[in-house]
N, C-alpha and C. Protein backbone atom coordinates (compact mmCIF):
# COMPACT_ATOMS: atom_id res chain seq x y z
N UNK A 1 200.14 190.80 234.90
CA UNK A 1 201.17 191.46 234.13
C UNK A 1 202.30 190.47 233.79
N UNK A 2 202.63 189.64 234.79
CA UNK A 2 203.69 188.66 234.57
C UNK A 2 203.27 187.64 233.52
N UNK A 3 202.03 187.23 233.52
CA UNK A 3 201.52 186.28 232.54
C UNK A 3 201.57 186.88 231.14
N UNK A 4 201.23 188.16 231.03
CA UNK A 4 201.27 188.83 229.73
C UNK A 4 202.70 188.91 229.20
N UNK A 5 203.66 189.16 230.08
CA UNK A 5 205.07 189.22 229.68
C UNK A 5 205.55 187.87 229.18
N UNK A 6 205.22 186.80 229.92
CA UNK A 6 205.61 185.46 229.52
C UNK A 6 204.97 185.07 228.19
N UNK A 7 203.70 185.46 228.03
CA UNK A 7 203.02 185.17 226.78
C UNK A 7 203.70 185.91 225.62
N UNK A 8 204.09 187.16 225.83
CA UNK A 8 204.77 187.95 224.81
C UNK A 8 206.11 187.35 224.43
N UNK A 9 206.87 186.92 225.43
CA UNK A 9 208.18 186.30 225.17
C UNK A 9 208.00 185.00 224.40
N UNK A 10 207.00 184.20 224.77
CA UNK A 10 206.73 182.94 224.09
C UNK A 10 206.38 183.18 222.63
N UNK A 11 205.53 184.16 222.37
CA UNK A 11 205.12 184.47 221.00
C UNK A 11 206.32 184.94 220.18
N UNK A 12 207.14 185.83 220.76
CA UNK A 12 208.33 186.31 220.04
C UNK A 12 209.30 185.17 219.75
N UNK A 13 209.45 184.25 220.69
CA UNK A 13 210.33 183.11 220.48
C UNK A 13 209.84 182.24 219.34
N UNK A 14 208.55 181.98 219.29
CA UNK A 14 207.98 181.15 218.23
C UNK A 14 208.10 181.84 216.87
N UNK A 15 207.87 183.15 216.85
CA UNK A 15 207.98 183.90 215.60
C UNK A 15 209.42 183.86 215.10
N UNK A 16 210.39 184.05 216.02
CA UNK A 16 211.79 184.05 215.58
C UNK A 16 212.22 182.67 215.07
N UNK A 17 211.68 181.60 215.63
CA UNK A 17 211.97 180.26 215.12
C UNK A 17 211.41 180.07 213.72
N UNK A 18 210.26 180.65 213.47
CA UNK A 18 209.65 180.55 212.14
C UNK A 18 210.43 181.30 211.08
N UNK A 19 211.21 182.30 211.50
CA UNK A 19 212.01 183.09 210.55
C UNK A 19 213.41 182.52 210.35
N UNK A 20 213.77 181.51 211.08
CA UNK A 20 215.11 180.94 210.96
C UNK A 20 215.30 180.35 209.57
N UNK A 21 216.50 180.49 209.06
CA UNK A 21 216.79 179.92 207.74
C UNK A 21 217.39 178.54 207.91
N UNK A 22 217.06 177.70 206.99
CA UNK A 22 217.61 176.35 206.98
C UNK A 22 218.75 176.33 205.98
N UNK A 23 219.93 175.87 206.39
CA UNK A 23 221.03 175.85 205.43
C UNK A 23 220.74 174.92 204.27
N UNK A 24 221.17 175.34 203.08
CA UNK A 24 220.99 174.52 201.87
C UNK A 24 221.97 173.37 201.87
N UNK A 25 221.85 172.52 200.91
CA UNK A 25 222.79 171.40 200.83
C UNK A 25 224.20 171.93 200.62
N UNK A 26 225.19 171.19 201.09
CA UNK A 26 226.59 171.60 200.94
C UNK A 26 227.00 171.62 199.48
N UNK A 27 228.13 172.21 199.25
CA UNK A 27 228.66 172.22 197.89
C UNK A 27 228.90 170.78 197.43
N UNK A 28 228.67 170.50 196.17
CA UNK A 28 228.94 169.15 195.66
C UNK A 28 230.45 168.88 195.71
N UNK A 29 230.83 167.64 195.79
CA UNK A 29 232.27 167.32 195.84
C UNK A 29 232.95 167.71 194.53
N UNK A 30 234.27 167.93 194.58
CA UNK A 30 234.98 168.28 193.35
C UNK A 30 234.93 167.13 192.35
N UNK A 31 234.97 167.49 191.08
CA UNK A 31 235.03 166.48 190.01
C UNK A 31 236.31 165.67 190.17
N UNK A 32 236.27 164.45 189.71
CA UNK A 32 237.46 163.59 189.74
C UNK A 32 238.24 163.85 188.45
N UNK A 33 239.39 164.51 188.60
CA UNK A 33 240.18 164.88 187.42
C UNK A 33 241.52 164.15 187.33
N UNK A 34 241.84 163.35 188.33
CA UNK A 34 243.12 162.64 188.33
C UNK A 34 243.20 161.69 187.14
N UNK A 35 244.38 161.59 186.57
CA UNK A 35 244.59 160.68 185.46
C UNK A 35 245.16 161.39 184.25
N UNK A 36 245.17 160.68 183.15
CA UNK A 36 245.71 161.22 181.91
C UNK A 36 244.57 161.67 181.01
N UNK A 37 244.69 162.88 180.49
CA UNK A 37 243.74 163.46 179.56
C UNK A 37 244.49 163.69 178.25
N UNK A 38 243.88 163.34 177.14
CA UNK A 38 244.51 163.57 175.84
C UNK A 38 243.52 164.27 174.92
N UNK A 39 244.05 164.97 173.95
CA UNK A 39 243.19 165.66 173.01
C UNK A 39 243.99 166.50 172.06
N UNK A 40 243.36 167.59 171.61
CA UNK A 40 243.95 168.44 170.60
C UNK A 40 243.83 169.90 170.99
N UNK A 41 244.91 170.65 170.81
CA UNK A 41 244.88 172.10 170.96
C UNK A 41 244.51 172.69 169.61
N UNK A 42 243.47 173.53 169.58
CA UNK A 42 243.06 174.13 168.31
C UNK A 42 243.98 175.27 167.91
N UNK A 43 244.58 175.94 168.89
CA UNK A 43 245.57 176.99 168.66
C UNK A 43 246.60 176.81 169.77
N UNK A 44 247.87 176.89 169.44
CA UNK A 44 248.88 176.78 170.49
C UNK A 44 248.84 178.00 171.39
N UNK A 45 249.14 177.84 172.68
CA UNK A 45 249.09 178.98 173.59
C UNK A 45 250.24 179.95 173.35
N UNK A 46 249.96 181.22 173.56
CA UNK A 46 251.00 182.23 173.49
C UNK A 46 251.62 182.33 174.88
N UNK A 47 252.92 182.18 174.94
CA UNK A 47 253.65 182.27 176.19
C UNK A 47 254.69 183.37 176.00
N UNK A 48 254.42 184.54 176.58
CA UNK A 48 255.27 185.70 176.32
C UNK A 48 255.16 186.07 174.86
N UNK A 49 256.31 186.10 174.18
CA UNK A 49 256.32 186.45 172.76
C UNK A 49 256.23 185.22 171.87
N UNK A 50 256.28 184.03 172.48
CA UNK A 50 256.40 182.80 171.71
C UNK A 50 255.09 182.01 171.71
N UNK A 51 254.93 181.18 170.71
CA UNK A 51 253.71 180.41 170.58
C UNK A 51 254.00 178.92 170.56
N UNK A 52 253.11 178.15 171.18
CA UNK A 52 253.08 176.72 170.94
C UNK A 52 252.30 176.53 169.64
N UNK A 53 252.09 175.30 169.24
CA UNK A 53 251.38 175.04 167.98
C UNK A 53 250.14 174.20 168.23
N UNK A 54 249.21 174.26 167.29
CA UNK A 54 248.04 173.39 167.34
C UNK A 54 248.52 171.95 167.18
N UNK A 55 247.78 171.02 167.78
CA UNK A 55 248.15 169.62 167.65
C UNK A 55 247.83 168.83 168.90
N UNK A 56 248.39 167.63 169.03
CA UNK A 56 248.06 166.77 170.16
C UNK A 56 248.55 167.34 171.49
N UNK A 57 247.76 167.08 172.54
CA UNK A 57 248.06 167.57 173.89
C UNK A 57 247.82 166.44 174.88
N UNK A 58 248.67 166.38 175.91
CA UNK A 58 248.47 165.46 177.02
C UNK A 58 248.52 166.24 178.32
N UNK A 59 247.55 165.99 179.19
CA UNK A 59 247.49 166.59 180.52
C UNK A 59 247.45 165.45 181.53
N UNK A 60 248.44 165.37 182.40
CA UNK A 60 248.50 164.34 183.44
C UNK A 60 248.28 165.03 184.78
N UNK A 61 247.23 164.61 185.51
CA UNK A 61 246.89 165.27 186.78
C UNK A 61 246.86 164.29 187.94
N UNK A 62 247.35 164.75 189.09
CA UNK A 62 247.16 164.11 190.38
C UNK A 62 246.19 165.00 191.15
N UNK A 63 245.40 164.41 192.05
CA UNK A 63 244.38 165.19 192.75
C UNK A 63 244.33 164.80 194.22
N UNK A 64 244.19 165.82 195.07
CA UNK A 64 243.93 165.63 196.50
C UNK A 64 242.78 166.56 196.85
N UNK A 65 241.58 165.99 196.99
CA UNK A 65 240.41 166.81 197.30
C UNK A 65 240.14 167.81 196.20
N UNK A 66 240.11 169.09 196.58
CA UNK A 66 239.79 170.15 195.64
C UNK A 66 241.01 170.78 194.97
N UNK A 67 242.18 170.13 195.04
CA UNK A 67 243.36 170.66 194.36
C UNK A 67 243.93 169.60 193.42
N UNK A 68 244.49 170.07 192.33
CA UNK A 68 245.09 169.17 191.34
C UNK A 68 246.41 169.77 190.88
N UNK A 69 247.33 168.89 190.52
CA UNK A 69 248.60 169.35 189.96
C UNK A 69 249.09 168.30 188.97
N UNK A 70 249.93 168.73 188.07
CA UNK A 70 250.44 167.79 187.08
C UNK A 70 251.19 168.49 185.97
N UNK A 71 251.21 167.84 184.80
CA UNK A 71 251.99 168.32 183.66
C UNK A 71 251.14 168.40 182.40
N UNK A 72 251.39 169.44 181.63
CA UNK A 72 250.74 169.67 180.35
C UNK A 72 251.82 169.64 179.28
N UNK A 73 251.63 168.84 178.23
CA UNK A 73 252.61 168.75 177.15
C UNK A 73 251.87 168.86 175.82
N UNK A 74 252.33 169.79 174.97
CA UNK A 74 251.76 169.95 173.64
C UNK A 74 252.86 170.20 172.63
N UNK A 75 252.48 170.54 171.41
CA UNK A 75 253.45 170.80 170.35
C UNK A 75 254.09 172.17 170.60
N UNK A 76 255.36 172.16 170.96
CA UNK A 76 256.10 173.40 171.17
C UNK A 76 255.92 174.03 172.53
N UNK A 77 255.25 173.38 173.46
CA UNK A 77 255.10 173.93 174.81
C UNK A 77 254.91 172.79 175.81
N UNK A 78 255.22 173.11 177.06
CA UNK A 78 254.99 172.17 178.16
C UNK A 78 254.96 172.98 179.45
N UNK A 79 254.44 172.37 180.53
CA UNK A 79 254.42 173.11 181.78
C UNK A 79 253.87 172.32 182.94
N UNK A 80 254.11 172.86 184.13
CA UNK A 80 253.61 172.31 185.38
C UNK A 80 252.33 173.05 185.74
N UNK A 81 251.26 172.29 186.01
CA UNK A 81 249.93 172.83 186.28
C UNK A 81 249.60 172.72 187.77
N UNK A 82 249.02 173.78 188.34
CA UNK A 82 248.46 173.76 189.70
C UNK A 82 247.08 174.37 189.62
N UNK A 83 246.07 173.68 190.19
CA UNK A 83 244.69 174.16 190.01
C UNK A 83 243.79 173.80 191.18
N UNK A 84 242.70 174.54 191.30
CA UNK A 84 241.59 174.25 192.20
C UNK A 84 240.52 173.57 191.36
N UNK A 85 239.76 172.67 191.99
CA UNK A 85 238.75 171.90 191.26
C UNK A 85 237.42 172.00 191.99
N UNK A 86 236.34 172.30 191.24
CA UNK A 86 234.98 172.22 191.77
C UNK A 86 234.28 171.06 191.06
N UNK A 87 232.98 170.96 191.22
CA UNK A 87 232.23 169.89 190.57
C UNK A 87 232.25 170.00 189.05
N UNK A 88 232.42 171.21 188.52
CA UNK A 88 232.34 171.40 187.07
C UNK A 88 233.48 172.22 186.47
N UNK A 89 234.39 172.73 187.31
CA UNK A 89 235.43 173.62 186.80
C UNK A 89 236.79 173.33 187.42
N UNK A 90 237.80 173.76 186.70
CA UNK A 90 239.18 173.70 187.16
C UNK A 90 239.80 175.04 186.80
N UNK A 91 240.54 175.66 187.70
CA UNK A 91 241.21 176.91 187.37
C UNK A 91 242.48 177.05 188.20
N UNK A 92 243.45 177.73 187.65
CA UNK A 92 244.72 177.92 188.34
C UNK A 92 245.76 178.50 187.42
N UNK A 93 246.97 177.89 187.41
CA UNK A 93 248.05 178.42 186.60
C UNK A 93 248.94 177.30 186.07
N UNK A 94 249.70 177.66 185.05
CA UNK A 94 250.66 176.74 184.45
C UNK A 94 252.00 177.47 184.34
N UNK A 95 253.05 176.87 184.88
CA UNK A 95 254.40 177.37 184.64
C UNK A 95 254.81 176.77 183.31
N UNK A 96 254.39 177.43 182.24
CA UNK A 96 254.55 176.91 180.88
C UNK A 96 255.81 177.47 180.24
N UNK A 97 256.33 176.71 179.29
CA UNK A 97 257.50 177.18 178.55
C UNK A 97 257.47 176.67 177.12
N UNK A 98 258.07 177.49 176.27
CA UNK A 98 258.32 177.08 174.89
C UNK A 98 259.82 176.78 174.81
N UNK A 99 260.34 176.60 173.62
CA UNK A 99 261.77 176.30 173.49
C UNK A 99 262.65 177.47 173.94
N UNK A 100 262.08 178.69 173.97
CA UNK A 100 262.92 179.84 174.28
C UNK A 100 262.42 180.72 175.43
N UNK A 101 261.26 180.41 176.03
CA UNK A 101 260.73 181.30 177.06
C UNK A 101 259.83 180.55 178.02
N UNK A 102 259.87 180.91 179.30
CA UNK A 102 258.97 180.36 180.29
C UNK A 102 258.16 181.46 180.95
N UNK A 103 256.91 181.15 181.32
CA UNK A 103 256.06 182.15 181.95
C UNK A 103 254.93 181.45 182.69
N UNK A 104 254.49 182.05 183.80
CA UNK A 104 253.33 181.55 184.53
C UNK A 104 252.08 182.14 183.89
N UNK A 105 251.19 181.28 183.40
CA UNK A 105 249.99 181.74 182.70
C UNK A 105 248.74 181.13 183.33
N UNK A 106 247.61 181.84 183.27
CA UNK A 106 246.37 181.31 183.85
C UNK A 106 245.80 180.17 183.01
N UNK A 107 245.13 179.24 183.70
CA UNK A 107 244.44 178.13 183.04
C UNK A 107 243.03 178.03 183.58
N UNK A 108 242.15 177.41 182.80
CA UNK A 108 240.80 177.11 183.27
C UNK A 108 240.27 175.93 182.45
N UNK A 109 239.36 175.20 183.06
CA UNK A 109 238.77 174.06 182.37
C UNK A 109 237.33 173.87 182.76
N UNK A 110 236.50 173.49 181.81
CA UNK A 110 235.10 173.13 182.06
C UNK A 110 235.02 171.62 181.98
N UNK A 111 234.61 170.98 183.09
CA UNK A 111 234.64 169.53 183.21
C UNK A 111 233.23 168.96 183.08
N UNK A 112 233.09 167.91 182.27
CA UNK A 112 231.83 167.19 182.14
C UNK A 112 232.16 165.70 182.03
N UNK A 113 232.15 165.02 183.18
CA UNK A 113 232.48 163.60 183.18
C UNK A 113 233.91 163.36 182.75
N UNK A 114 234.09 162.62 181.66
CA UNK A 114 235.43 162.32 181.15
C UNK A 114 235.87 163.27 180.05
N UNK A 115 235.17 164.39 179.88
CA UNK A 115 235.53 165.39 178.88
C UNK A 115 235.83 166.71 179.56
N UNK A 116 236.78 167.45 178.98
CA UNK A 116 237.14 168.75 179.52
C UNK A 116 237.51 169.67 178.37
N UNK A 117 237.00 170.90 178.42
CA UNK A 117 237.46 171.96 177.54
C UNK A 117 238.44 172.76 178.38
N UNK A 118 239.71 172.73 178.01
CA UNK A 118 240.80 173.29 178.79
C UNK A 118 241.37 174.48 178.05
N UNK A 119 241.63 175.56 178.78
CA UNK A 119 242.17 176.77 178.14
C UNK A 119 243.45 177.21 178.84
N UNK A 120 244.43 177.53 178.02
CA UNK A 120 245.65 178.19 178.47
C UNK A 120 245.71 179.47 177.65
N UNK A 121 245.38 180.58 178.30
CA UNK A 121 245.26 181.86 177.60
C UNK A 121 244.33 181.74 176.40
N UNK A 122 244.86 181.98 175.19
CA UNK A 122 244.03 181.97 173.99
C UNK A 122 243.91 180.60 173.34
N UNK A 123 244.51 179.59 173.94
CA UNK A 123 244.48 178.25 173.37
C UNK A 123 243.33 177.45 173.97
N UNK A 124 242.60 176.76 173.11
CA UNK A 124 241.50 175.89 173.55
C UNK A 124 241.90 174.45 173.26
N UNK A 125 241.74 173.60 174.26
CA UNK A 125 242.09 172.19 174.12
C UNK A 125 240.89 171.34 174.49
N UNK A 126 240.48 170.47 173.59
CA UNK A 126 239.39 169.53 173.87
C UNK A 126 240.03 168.23 174.32
N UNK A 127 239.81 167.87 175.60
CA UNK A 127 240.48 166.72 176.20
C UNK A 127 239.49 165.66 176.64
N UNK A 128 239.92 164.40 176.60
CA UNK A 128 239.15 163.26 177.09
C UNK A 128 240.06 162.45 178.00
N UNK A 129 239.51 162.04 179.15
CA UNK A 129 240.29 161.21 180.06
C UNK A 129 240.50 159.85 179.42
N UNK A 130 241.74 159.37 179.43
CA UNK A 130 242.04 158.06 178.86
C UNK A 130 241.98 157.00 179.96
N UNK A 131 241.48 155.82 179.61
CA UNK A 131 241.35 154.77 180.64
C UNK A 131 242.69 154.27 181.14
């Protein structure tokens, strides 16, 4: 009887080991976004009741691991950016202002190497990291 019990425990142990899951690879490291990005806003962002304008844009970012912060400057608007960064995305907020109004607005970016499609509300900005 004792041998049968030991055999049963051994079999159950082996079966449970076979069902164990192996953890997948860790998340990829965040994209490197530090530096100066320049490009064009196709539509200026709406900040409260006021609008920025289409035209040249500069985004300057500092990065520590998966967080980034910096400044966004465009035609008729500017702001301080704070964001989280993954391997392919950036998202967070901008304390943006026009000549007459300031507001905290959501931001997001799709990163591909040295190119980024950056959005501040309804504004789309095509940016390239400058050397």
